[in-house]
Amino acid sequence: MFNTKMKALRILENEHLLIRHLMQEWFTELYAASQMDAEMPLRLQMKKIKDLMVDFMPVLDKHQQKEEKFFFPILGAYVGTNQGPVVTIEAEHDEMNQYFTHFMTHPSVDMSVEQMKLILKDLNEGYEILMVHMYKEESVLFPMAEKVFKIKDEDILLEAVNTKIYG
């Protein structure tokens, strides 16, 4: 089930599973919305998606905070923080969050069907970025960390990330 051996990285990997599960809930509704052309059903569907996103966003935020405060700095001490994979991955946090925030802050009450479709397209873009992002972390950053981390690094990271992000 897990690709990593380090307990701290398995926690982050397990959080990715939870994030994917929560994403699937709202993505299913997003897909349904993309098939709608009538204003009222689409407006109701957008509300449904926003309600699911209200649960999703804090979980994603807590996970990203762990990575940005603890995982990225420790890995960055070995591979650099001015360029390379850590900088790229951190930038993706900002990019996907802009899409998610854009969706959450636009009230659909006064929007046309076309405007709602554009906002949904942006949300889909955030979804795609996050899916690829987690894959990159799991296939590039986590294996890289396993190669370079020392026992003290894993101990520090384990203590820092061993907290709940849901509930």
C-alpha atoms as a PDB file:
ATOM      1  CA  MET A   1       0.000   0.000   0.000  1.00  0.00           C
ATOM      2  CA  PHE A   2       2.725   2.488   0.951  1.00  0.00           C
ATOM      3  CA  ASN A   3       5.656   3.224  -1.311  1.00  0.00           C
ATOM      4  CA  THR A   4       7.865   4.609   1.451  1.00  0.00           C
ATOM      5  CA  LYS A   5       9.553   2.901   4.380  1.00  0.00           C
ATOM      6  CA  MET A   6       9.999   5.951   6.619  1.00  0.00           C
ATOM      7  CA  LYS A   7       7.170   6.347   9.104  1.00  0.00           C
ATOM      8  CA  ALA A   8       7.063  10.128   8.675  1.00  0.00           C
ATOM      9  CA  LEU A   9       6.712   9.819   4.905  1.00  0.00           C
ATOM     10  CA  ARG A  10       4.070   7.110   5.290  1.00  0.00           C
ATOM     11  CA  ILE A  11       2.023   9.587   7.343  1.00  0.00           C
ATOM     12  CA  LEU A  12       2.223  12.120   4.513  1.00  0.00           C
ATOM     13  CA  GLU A  13       1.444   9.391   1.999  1.00  0.00           C
ATOM     14  CA  ASN A  14      -1.555   8.289   4.065  1.00  0.00           C
ATOM     15  CA  GLU A  15      -2.766  11.886   4.137  1.00  0.00           C
ATOM     16  CA  HIS A  16      -2.624  11.846   0.338  1.00  0.00           C
ATOM     17  CA  LEU A  17      -5.047   8.904   0.417  1.00  0.00           C
ATOM     18  CA  LEU A  18      -7.465  10.904   2.558  1.00  0.00           C
ATOM     19  CA  ILE A  19      -7.096  13.957   0.315  1.00  0.00           C
ATOM     20  CA  ARG A  20      -7.766  11.829  -2.788  1.00  0.00           C
ATOM     21  CA  HIS A  21     -10.878  10.382  -1.134  1.00  0.00           C
ATOM     22  CA  LEU A  22     -12.240  13.829  -0.283  1.00  0.00           C
ATOM     23  CA  MET A  23     -11.324  15.098  -3.750  1.00  0.00           C
ATOM     24  CA  GLN A  24     -13.210  12.258  -5.364  1.00  0.00           C
ATOM     25  CA  GLU A  25     -16.353  13.296  -3.517  1.00  0.00           C
ATOM     26  CA  TRP A  26     -16.368  16.810  -4.941  1.00  0.00           C
ATOM     27  CA  PHE A  27     -14.911  15.800  -8.303  1.00  0.00           C
ATOM     28  CA  THR A  28     -17.856  13.452  -8.858  1.00  0.00           C
ATOM     29  CA  GLU A  29     -20.183  16.406  -8.301  1.00  0.00           C
ATOM     30  CA  LEU A  30     -17.971  18.612 -10.485  1.00  0.00           C
ATOM     31  CA  TYR A  31     -18.237  16.119 -13.325  1.00  0.00           C
ATOM     32  CA  ALA A  32     -22.023  16.009 -12.944  1.00  0.00           C
ATOM     33  CA  ALA A  33     -22.122  19.821 -13.010  1.00  0.00           C
ATOM     34  CA  SER A  34     -20.054  19.914 -16.200  1.00  0.00           C
ATOM     35  CA  GLN A  35     -22.842  17.943 -17.909  1.00  0.00           C
ATOM     36  CA  MET A  36     -25.568  20.418 -16.898  1.00  0.00           C
ATOM     37  CA  ASP A  37     -26.847  23.287 -18.993  1.00  0.00           C
ATOM     38  CA  ALA A  38     -29.879  24.435 -17.012  1.00  0.00           C
ATOM     39  CA  GLU A  39     -29.263  27.344 -14.667  1.00  0.00           C
ATOM     40  CA  MET A  40     -31.052  26.243 -11.479  1.00  0.00           C
ATOM     41  CA  PRO A  41     -29.770  22.643 -11.386  1.00  0.00           C
ATOM     42  CA  LEU A  42     -26.263  23.947 -12.102  1.00  0.00           C
ATOM     43  CA  ARG A  43     -26.541  26.557  -9.344  1.00  0.00           C
ATOM     44  CA  LEU A  44     -27.659  23.843  -6.882  1.00  0.00           C
ATOM     45  CA  GLN A  45     -24.827  21.586  -8.018  1.00  0.00           C
ATOM     46  CA  MET A  46     -22.298  24.360  -7.424  1.00  0.00           C
ATOM     47  CA  LYS A  47     -23.629  24.759  -3.894  1.00  0.00           C
ATOM     48  CA  LYS A  48     -23.214  21.024  -3.354  1.00  0.00           C
ATOM     49  CA  ILE A  49     -19.602  21.223  -4.554  1.00  0.00           C
ATOM     50  CA  LYS A  50     -18.887  24.230  -2.325  1.00  0.00           C
ATOM     51  CA  ASP A  51     -20.287  22.356   0.682  1.00  0.00           C
ATOM     52  CA  LEU A  52     -17.908  19.455  -0.027  1.00  0.00           C
ATOM     53  CA  MET A  53     -15.030  21.877  -0.569  1.00  0.00           C
ATOM     54  CA  VAL A  54     -15.689  23.401   2.875  1.00  0.00           C
ATOM     55  CA  ASP A  55     -14.717  20.018   4.358  1.00  0.00           C
ATOM     56  CA  PHE A  56     -11.884  19.449   1.902  1.00  0.00           C
ATOM     57  CA  MET A  57     -10.019  22.763   2.134  1.00  0.00           C
ATOM     58  CA  PRO A  58      -9.000  22.608   5.829  1.00  0.00           C
ATOM     59  CA  VAL A  59      -7.668  19.060   5.365  1.00  0.00           C
ATOM     60  CA  LEU A  60      -5.601  20.105   2.361  1.00  0.00           C
ATOM     61  CA  ASP A  61      -4.401  23.211   4.199  1.00  0.00           C
ATOM     62  CA  LYS A  62      -3.235  21.271   7.271  1.00  0.00           C
ATOM     63  CA  HIS A  63      -1.402  18.780   5.070  1.00  0.00           C
ATOM     64  CA  GLN A  64       0.287  21.520   3.067  1.00  0.00           C
ATOM     65  CA  GLN A  65       1.312  23.330   6.242  1.00  0.00           C
ATOM     66  CA  LYS A  66       3.079  20.195   7.457  1.00  0.00           C
ATOM     67  CA  GLU A  67       4.936  19.892   4.181  1.00  0.00           C
ATOM     68  CA  GLU A  68       5.869  23.575   4.004  1.00  0.00           C
ATOM     69  CA  LYS A  69       6.922  23.937   7.653  1.00  0.00           C
ATOM     70  CA  PHE A  70       8.707  20.634   8.103  1.00  0.00           C
ATOM     71  CA  PHE A  71       9.154  18.315   5.119  1.00  0.00           C
ATOM     72  CA  PHE A  72      10.274  20.836   2.480  1.00  0.00           C
ATOM     73  CA  PRO A  73      12.811  22.617   4.728  1.00  0.00           C
ATOM     74  CA  ILE A  74      14.424  19.347   5.828  1.00  0.00           C
ATOM     75  CA  LEU A  75      14.609  18.031   2.260  1.00  0.00           C
ATOM     76  CA  GLY A  76      15.675  21.457   1.014  1.00  0.00           C
ATOM     77  CA  ALA A  77      18.683  21.374   3.350  1.00  0.00           C
ATOM     78  CA  TYR A  78      19.986  18.506   1.201  1.00  0.00           C
ATOM     79  CA  VAL A  79      18.767  19.372  -2.300  1.00  0.00           C
ATOM     80  CA  GLY A  80      18.449  23.161  -2.144  1.00  0.00           C
ATOM     81  CA  THR A  81      15.585  25.585  -1.719  1.00  0.00           C
ATOM     82  CA  ASN A  82      16.360  28.182  -4.390  1.00  0.00           C
ATOM     83  CA  GLN A  83      15.724  25.944  -7.374  1.00  0.00           C
ATOM     84  CA  GLY A  84      14.807  22.368  -8.133  1.00  0.00           C
ATOM     85  CA  PRO A  85      12.003  20.063  -7.067  1.00  0.00           C
ATOM     86  CA  VAL A  86      11.214  21.599  -3.668  1.00  0.00           C
ATOM     87  CA  VAL A  87      10.679  25.063  -5.166  1.00  0.00           C
ATOM     88  CA  THR A  88       8.514  23.623  -7.956  1.00  0.00           C
ATOM     89  CA  ILE A  89       6.346  21.620  -5.573  1.00  0.00           C
ATOM     90  CA  GLU A  90       5.891  24.585  -3.217  1.00  0.00           C
ATOM     91  CA  ALA A  91       4.823  26.760  -6.157  1.00  0.00           C
ATOM     92  CA  GLU A  92       2.186  24.151  -7.028  1.00  0.00           C
ATOM     93  CA  HIS A  93       0.669  24.573  -3.549  1.00  0.00           C
ATOM     94  CA  ASP A  94       0.118  28.247  -4.310  1.00  0.00           C
ATOM     95  CA  GLU A  95      -1.176  27.597  -7.813  1.00  0.00           C
ATOM     96  CA  MET A  96      -3.762  24.971  -6.851  1.00  0.00           C
ATOM     97  CA  ASN A  97      -4.892  26.996  -3.851  1.00  0.00           C
ATOM     98  CA  GLN A  98      -5.542  29.974  -6.129  1.00  0.00           C
ATOM     99  CA  TYR A  99      -7.891  27.846  -8.229  1.00  0.00           C
ATOM    100  CA  PHE A 100      -9.669  26.463  -5.163  1.00  0.00           C
ATOM    101  CA  THR A 101      -9.978  29.892  -3.531  1.00  0.00           C
ATOM    102  CA  HIS A 102     -11.228  31.377  -6.787  1.00  0.00           C
ATOM    103  CA  PHE A 103     -14.018  28.804  -6.864  1.00  0.00           C
ATOM    104  CA  MET A 104     -14.918  29.246  -3.200  1.00  0.00           C
ATOM    105  CA  THR A 105     -15.023  33.049  -3.274  1.00  0.00           C
ATOM    106  CA  HIS A 106     -17.232  33.465  -6.343  1.00  0.00           C
ATOM    107  CA  PRO A 107     -20.911  33.477  -5.424  1.00  0.00           C
ATOM    108  CA  SER A 108     -22.885  31.679  -8.116  1.00  0.00           C
ATOM    109  CA  VAL A 109     -26.081  33.610  -7.314  1.00  0.00           C
ATOM    110  CA  ASP A 110     -25.664  36.254 -10.028  1.00  0.00           C
ATOM    111  CA  MET A 111     -23.706  34.165 -12.521  1.00  0.00           C
ATOM    112  CA  SER A 112     -24.822  33.041 -15.938  1.00  0.00           C
ATOM    113  CA  VAL A 113     -24.497  29.386 -16.938  1.00  0.00           C
ATOM    114  CA  GLU A 114     -21.411  30.321 -18.983  1.00  0.00           C
ATOM    115  CA  GLN A 115     -19.771  32.031 -15.995  1.00  0.00           C
ATOM    116  CA  MET A 116     -20.532  29.069 -13.747  1.00  0.00           C
ATOM    117  CA  LYS A 117     -18.996  26.733 -16.343  1.00  0.00           C
ATOM    118  CA  LEU A 118     -15.815  28.847 -16.390  1.00  0.00           C
ATOM    119  CA  ILE A 119     -15.540  28.713 -12.597  1.00  0.00           C
ATOM    120  CA  LEU A 120     -16.062  24.939 -12.721  1.00  0.00           C
ATOM    121  CA  LYS A 121     -13.349  24.686 -15.357  1.00  0.00           C
ATOM    122  CA  ASP A 122     -10.979  26.501 -12.996  1.00  0.00           C
ATOM    123  CA  LEU A 123     -11.872  24.100 -10.201  1.00  0.00           C
ATOM    124  CA  ASN A 124     -11.126  21.199 -12.529  1.00  0.00           C
ATOM    125  CA  GLU A 125      -7.732  22.760 -13.261  1.00  0.00           C
ATOM    126  CA  GLY A 126      -6.980  22.879  -9.523  1.00  0.00           C
ATOM    127  CA  TYR A 127      -8.028  19.221  -9.250  1.00  0.00           C
ATOM    128  CA  GLU A 128      -5.659  18.204 -12.049  1.00  0.00           C
ATOM    129  CA  ILE A 129      -2.758  20.164 -10.561  1.00  0.00           C
ATOM    130  CA  LEU A 130      -3.297  18.537  -7.163  1.00  0.00           C
ATOM    131  CA  MET A 131      -3.491  15.013  -8.593  1.00  0.00           C
ATOM    132  CA  VAL A 132      -0.227  15.432 -10.522  1.00  0.00           C
ATOM    133  CA  HIS A 133       1.307  17.234  -7.543  1.00  0.00           C
ATOM    134  CA  MET A 134       0.703  14.333  -5.154  1.00  0.00           C
ATOM    135  CA  TYR A 135       2.056  11.896  -7.740  1.00  0.00           C
ATOM    136  CA  LYS A 136       5.254  13.976  -8.012  1.00  0.00           C
ATOM    137  CA  GLU A 137       5.667  14.068  -4.253  1.00  0.00           C
ATOM    138  CA  GLU A 138       5.193  10.316  -3.985  1.00  0.00           C
ATOM    139  CA  SER A 139       7.371   9.377  -6.964  1.00  0.00           C
ATOM    140  CA  VAL A 140      10.099  12.038  -6.733  1.00  0.00           C
ATOM    141  CA  LEU A 141      10.307  13.856  -3.382  1.00  0.00           C
ATOM    142  CA  PHE A 142       9.537  10.975  -1.025  1.00  0.00           C
ATOM    143  CA  PRO A 143      12.099   8.590  -2.623  1.00  0.00           C
ATOM    144  CA  MET A 144      14.615  11.456  -2.694  1.00  0.00           C
ATOM    145  CA  ALA A 145      14.019  12.079   1.014  1.00  0.00           C
ATOM    146  CA  GLU A 146      14.478   8.394   1.817  1.00  0.00           C
ATOM    147  CA  LYS A 147      17.871   8.489   0.136  1.00  0.00           C
ATOM    148  CA  VAL A 148      19.207  11.629   1.832  1.00  0.00           C
ATOM    149  CA  PHE A 149      17.502  11.864   5.228  1.00  0.00           C
ATOM    150  CA  LYS A 150      19.449  10.871   8.270  1.00  0.00           C
ATOM    151  CA  ILE A 151      17.802   9.177  11.260  1.00  0.00           C
ATOM    152  CA  LYS A 152      17.619  12.494  13.127  1.00  0.00           C
ATOM    153  CA  ASP A 153      15.787  14.044  10.140  1.00  0.00           C
ATOM    154  CA  GLU A 154      13.205  11.292  10.146  1.00  0.00           C
ATOM    155  CA  ASP A 155      12.753  11.589  13.916  1.00  0.00           C
ATOM    156  CA  ILE A 156      12.218  15.357  13.682  1.00  0.00           C
ATOM    157  CA  LEU A 157       9.824  14.987  10.749  1.00  0.00           C
ATOM    158  CA  LEU A 158       7.914  12.130  12.393  1.00  0.00           C
ATOM    159  CA  GLU A 159       7.310  14.162  15.521  1.00  0.00           C
ATOM    160  CA  ALA A 160       6.198  17.166  13.462  1.00  0.00           C
ATOM    161  CA  VAL A 161       3.827  15.404  11.040  1.00  0.00           C
ATOM    162  CA  ASN A 162       2.280  12.899  13.432  1.00  0.00           C
ATOM    163  CA  THR A 163      -0.841  15.034  13.926  1.00  0.00           C
ATOM    164  CA  LYS A 164      -4.405  14.843  12.683  1.00  0.00           C
ATOM    165  CA  ILE A 165      -5.514  16.732   9.599  1.00  0.00           C
ATOM    166  CA  TYR A 166      -9.149  15.610   9.668  1.00  0.00           C
ATOM    167  CA  GLY A 167     -11.830  15.870  12.250  1.00  0.00           C
END
